[in-house]
Protein backbone atom coordinates (compact mmCIF):
# COMPACT_ATOMS: atom_id res chain seq x y z
CA MET A 1 238.67 175.04 45.49
CA ARG A 2 238.22 175.18 49.25
CA PRO A 3 241.23 175.47 51.56
CA ARG A 4 242.75 172.13 52.50
CA PHE A 5 242.95 172.88 56.23
CA PHE A 6 239.16 172.58 56.60
CA ARG A 7 239.39 168.82 56.09
CA GLY A 8 240.71 168.06 59.60
CA THR A 9 239.17 166.05 62.40
CA ILE A 10 238.17 167.17 65.86
CA MET A 11 240.58 169.27 67.84
CA PHE A 12 243.94 167.78 68.74
CA ARG A 13 246.65 170.13 69.95
CA ASN A 14 249.77 169.97 72.08
CA VAL A 15 247.61 168.81 74.94
CA ALA A 16 246.28 166.32 72.39
CA ILE A 17 243.73 163.90 73.73
CA ALA A 18 243.30 165.77 77.03
CA VAL A 19 241.89 168.89 75.43
CA PHE A 20 239.80 166.86 73.03
CA LEU A 21 238.39 164.79 75.86
CA ALA A 22 237.40 167.90 77.76
CA SER A 23 235.69 169.28 74.68
CA LEU A 24 233.56 166.16 74.43
CA VAL A 25 232.21 166.13 77.97
CA PRO A 26 228.99 167.94 78.80
CA VAL A 27 229.04 169.46 82.30
CA ALA A 28 226.30 167.11 83.51
CA ALA A 29 228.65 164.16 83.01
CA PHE A 30 230.90 165.26 85.89
CA ALA A 31 228.76 163.76 88.68
CA GLN A 32 230.11 160.27 89.36
CA VAL A 33 232.30 158.75 86.70
CA ASP A 34 233.59 155.27 87.46
CA ARG A 35 237.07 154.24 86.39
CA ARG A 36 235.82 151.94 83.61
CA ASP A 37 233.63 154.69 82.14
CA ALA A 38 236.59 157.09 82.14
CA ALA A 39 238.63 154.57 80.13
CA ILE A 40 235.72 154.02 77.72
CA PHE A 41 235.37 157.77 77.37
CA LYS A 42 239.02 158.12 76.30
CA ASP A 43 238.56 155.35 73.72
CA VAL A 44 235.38 157.02 72.43
CA ALA A 45 237.31 160.28 72.04
CA LYS A 46 239.98 158.50 70.02
CA GLN A 47 237.36 156.96 67.73
CA VAL A 48 235.63 160.28 67.11
CA GLY A 49 238.95 162.10 66.74
CA GLY A 50 240.19 159.50 64.27
CA TYR A 51 237.19 159.89 61.98
CA THR A 52 238.65 161.57 58.90
CA ARG A 53 235.38 163.00 57.57
CA PHE A 54 234.82 165.08 60.66
CA THR A 55 235.58 168.75 59.91
CA VAL A 56 235.70 172.12 61.63
CA PHE A 57 232.06 172.52 60.62
CA ASP A 58 230.94 169.63 62.89
CA ASP A 59 230.81 169.39 66.68
CA ILE A 60 230.45 166.29 68.88
CA GLN A 61 230.08 165.85 72.64
CA ALA A 62 229.79 162.62 74.56
CA SER A 63 229.08 161.20 77.99
CA VAL A 64 229.50 157.68 79.37
CA THR A 65 227.45 156.14 82.17
CA GLN A 66 227.89 152.46 83.03
CA GLY A 67 229.05 151.66 79.51
CA VAL A 68 226.22 153.57 77.81
CA VAL A 69 227.62 156.28 75.52
CA THR A 70 225.40 159.22 74.69
CA LEU A 71 226.49 161.28 71.70
CA TYR A 72 225.37 164.88 71.21
CA GLY A 73 226.23 167.55 68.71
CA LYS A 74 225.75 168.55 65.10
CA VAL A 75 227.23 167.32 61.84
CA THR A 76 226.86 168.52 58.26
CA MET A 77 225.93 165.17 56.67
CA PRO A 78 223.72 162.23 57.76
CA TYR A 79 226.40 159.61 57.02
CA LYS A 80 228.71 161.29 59.57
CA ARG A 81 226.11 160.81 62.29
CA ASP A 82 225.82 157.11 61.47
CA ASP A 83 229.55 156.54 60.97
CA ILE A 84 230.45 158.13 64.30
CA ALA A 85 227.85 156.09 66.17
CA ARG A 86 229.10 152.91 64.48
CA ARG A 87 232.74 153.70 65.38
CA VAL A 88 231.81 154.43 69.00
CA GLY A 89 229.71 151.25 69.21
CA GLY A 90 232.83 149.22 68.44
CA VAL A 91 234.73 150.49 71.48
CA ALA A 92 235.46 147.79 74.07
CA GLY A 93 233.16 148.14 77.07
CA VAL A 94 230.43 150.10 75.29
CA THR A 95 227.11 148.39 75.98
CA GLN A 96 224.88 150.85 74.11
CA VAL A 97 225.13 154.01 72.01
CA VAL A 98 222.43 156.64 72.33
CA ASN A 99 222.85 158.77 69.22
CA ARG A 100 221.52 162.28 69.74
CA ILE A 101 223.68 163.84 67.05
CA SER A 102 221.59 166.03 64.78
CA VAL A 103 222.23 166.73 61.11
CA LEU A 104 222.45 170.37 60.11
CA PRO A 105 219.98 171.48 57.41
CA VAL A 106 221.13 171.80 53.81
CA SER A 107 221.47 175.48 53.01
CA GLN A 108 223.64 177.38 50.54
CA PHE A 109 223.45 180.41 52.85
CA ASP A 110 224.78 178.35 55.76
CA ASP A 111 227.52 176.82 53.59
CA ASP A 112 228.64 180.25 52.41
CA LEU A 113 228.62 181.56 55.98
CA ARG A 114 230.67 178.57 57.21
CA TYR A 115 233.39 179.07 54.63
CA GLU A 116 233.48 182.87 54.96
CA ILE A 117 233.87 182.70 58.74
CA ALA A 118 236.39 179.85 58.59
CA ARG A 119 238.50 181.72 56.02
CA ALA A 120 238.35 184.90 58.10
CA ILE A 121 239.28 183.20 61.39
CA TYR A 122 241.99 180.90 60.06
CA GLY A 123 243.23 183.60 57.68
CA ASN A 124 243.80 186.01 60.57
CA PRO A 125 247.50 186.17 61.58
CA ALA A 126 246.52 185.50 65.22
CA PHE A 127 245.18 182.07 64.17
CA TRP A 128 247.72 181.04 61.54
CA HIS A 129 249.28 178.58 63.99
CA TYR A 130 245.91 176.79 64.15
CA ALA A 131 245.34 176.93 60.38
CA SER A 132 248.54 174.98 59.79
CA MET A 133 247.38 172.12 62.04
CA ILE A 134 246.03 168.92 60.58
CA ASN A 135 243.09 169.23 62.99
CA PRO A 136 242.28 172.94 63.51
CA PRO A 137 240.74 173.47 66.97
CA ILE A 138 238.09 176.13 66.30
CA HIS A 139 234.81 174.70 65.01
CA ILE A 140 232.20 176.79 63.20
CA VAL A 141 228.71 175.30 63.48
CA VAL A 142 226.11 177.11 61.36
CA GLU A 143 222.41 176.28 61.58
CA ASN A 144 219.81 178.37 59.76
CA GLY A 145 222.09 181.40 59.79
CA HIS A 146 222.98 181.11 63.48
CA VAL A 147 226.67 180.56 64.26
CA THR A 148 228.18 178.75 67.25
CA LEU A 149 231.93 178.63 67.76
CA THR A 150 233.19 175.60 69.70
CA GLY A 151 236.59 174.16 70.50
CA VAL A 152 239.69 175.09 72.44
CA VAL A 153 242.03 178.07 72.08
CA ASN A 154 245.08 179.24 74.01
CA ASN A 155 243.57 182.15 75.95
CA ASP A 156 240.69 184.57 76.49
CA VAL A 157 242.05 187.04 73.93
CA GLU A 158 241.77 184.38 71.20
CA LYS A 159 238.25 183.54 72.38
CA MET A 160 237.17 187.17 72.06
CA LEU A 161 238.98 187.69 68.75
CA ALA A 162 237.41 184.59 67.13
CA ARG A 163 233.94 185.73 68.20
CA SER A 164 234.62 189.25 66.99
CA ILE A 165 235.73 187.99 63.57
CA ALA A 166 232.66 185.73 63.29
CA THR A 167 230.30 188.66 63.95
CA GLY A 168 231.56 190.48 60.86
CA PHE A 169 229.31 188.50 58.53
CA ASN A 170 225.59 188.23 57.83
CA ALA A 171 224.85 185.69 60.57
CA PHE A 172 221.59 186.12 62.48
CA SER A 173 223.48 185.46 65.72
CA VAL A 174 226.95 184.44 66.88
CA GLN A 175 227.48 182.47 70.06
CA SER A 176 230.87 181.45 71.41
CA GLN A 177 231.31 178.24 73.40
CA LEU A 178 235.09 178.31 72.95
CA LYS A 179 237.17 177.22 75.93
CA THR A 180 240.73 178.08 76.83
CA ASP A 181 243.32 175.35 77.35
CA ALA A 182 243.10 176.02 81.09
CA GLU A 183 239.30 175.69 81.14
CA ALA A 184 239.43 172.47 79.10
CA ARG A 185 242.08 170.96 81.38
CA ALA A 186 240.05 171.89 84.48
CA GLU A 187 236.97 170.12 83.05
CA LEU A 188 239.02 167.03 82.22
CA GLU A 189 240.47 167.00 85.74
CA LYS A 190 236.91 167.03 87.15
CA VAL A 191 236.10 163.98 85.07
CA GLU A 192 239.29 162.18 86.07
CA LYS A 193 238.80 163.12 89.73
CA GLY A 194 235.26 161.72 89.57
CA SER A 195 236.65 158.41 88.28
CA THR A 196 238.92 157.97 91.31
CA GLU A 197 236.32 158.71 93.98
């Protein structure tokens, strides 16, 4: 039986939608965001965040330009890719969805690595406060033995500790794209600032 806390959706924390929004936005999306696109983006984030089959083993990013939503990221099952695109397509103001979400390959090695790393990270006393959340914020994306950590943590110490824990397994490589709350808020402010210019 796998631990229950791995069945959460994308990261929601005390900064709730703000942190999640920042985690969805690729840096290239900061250029010129109009006010309508910023509102659509928030609704897209709510749709993705409300998808109950999205777990800590999936990762989604999005950008919105003139009502066209482009989805990026990786999910563990093909139906998740389709479901997320369908949910986003129903958001008011969305004129088109460009679905660039890829499906991770089926691999027992990858599955074992996912669960070992997730148990080690969320079983560490430094991360117990995340493990008890409905939507744990650290995502473990494993593709062909290569691990990428994504999401939002409180500080740089947690970023380094999560990466250090993840390197203790048989992964071919471990890459950390974790952001701190401060970094995530700063990215969101860039998006919001772009929508008022």
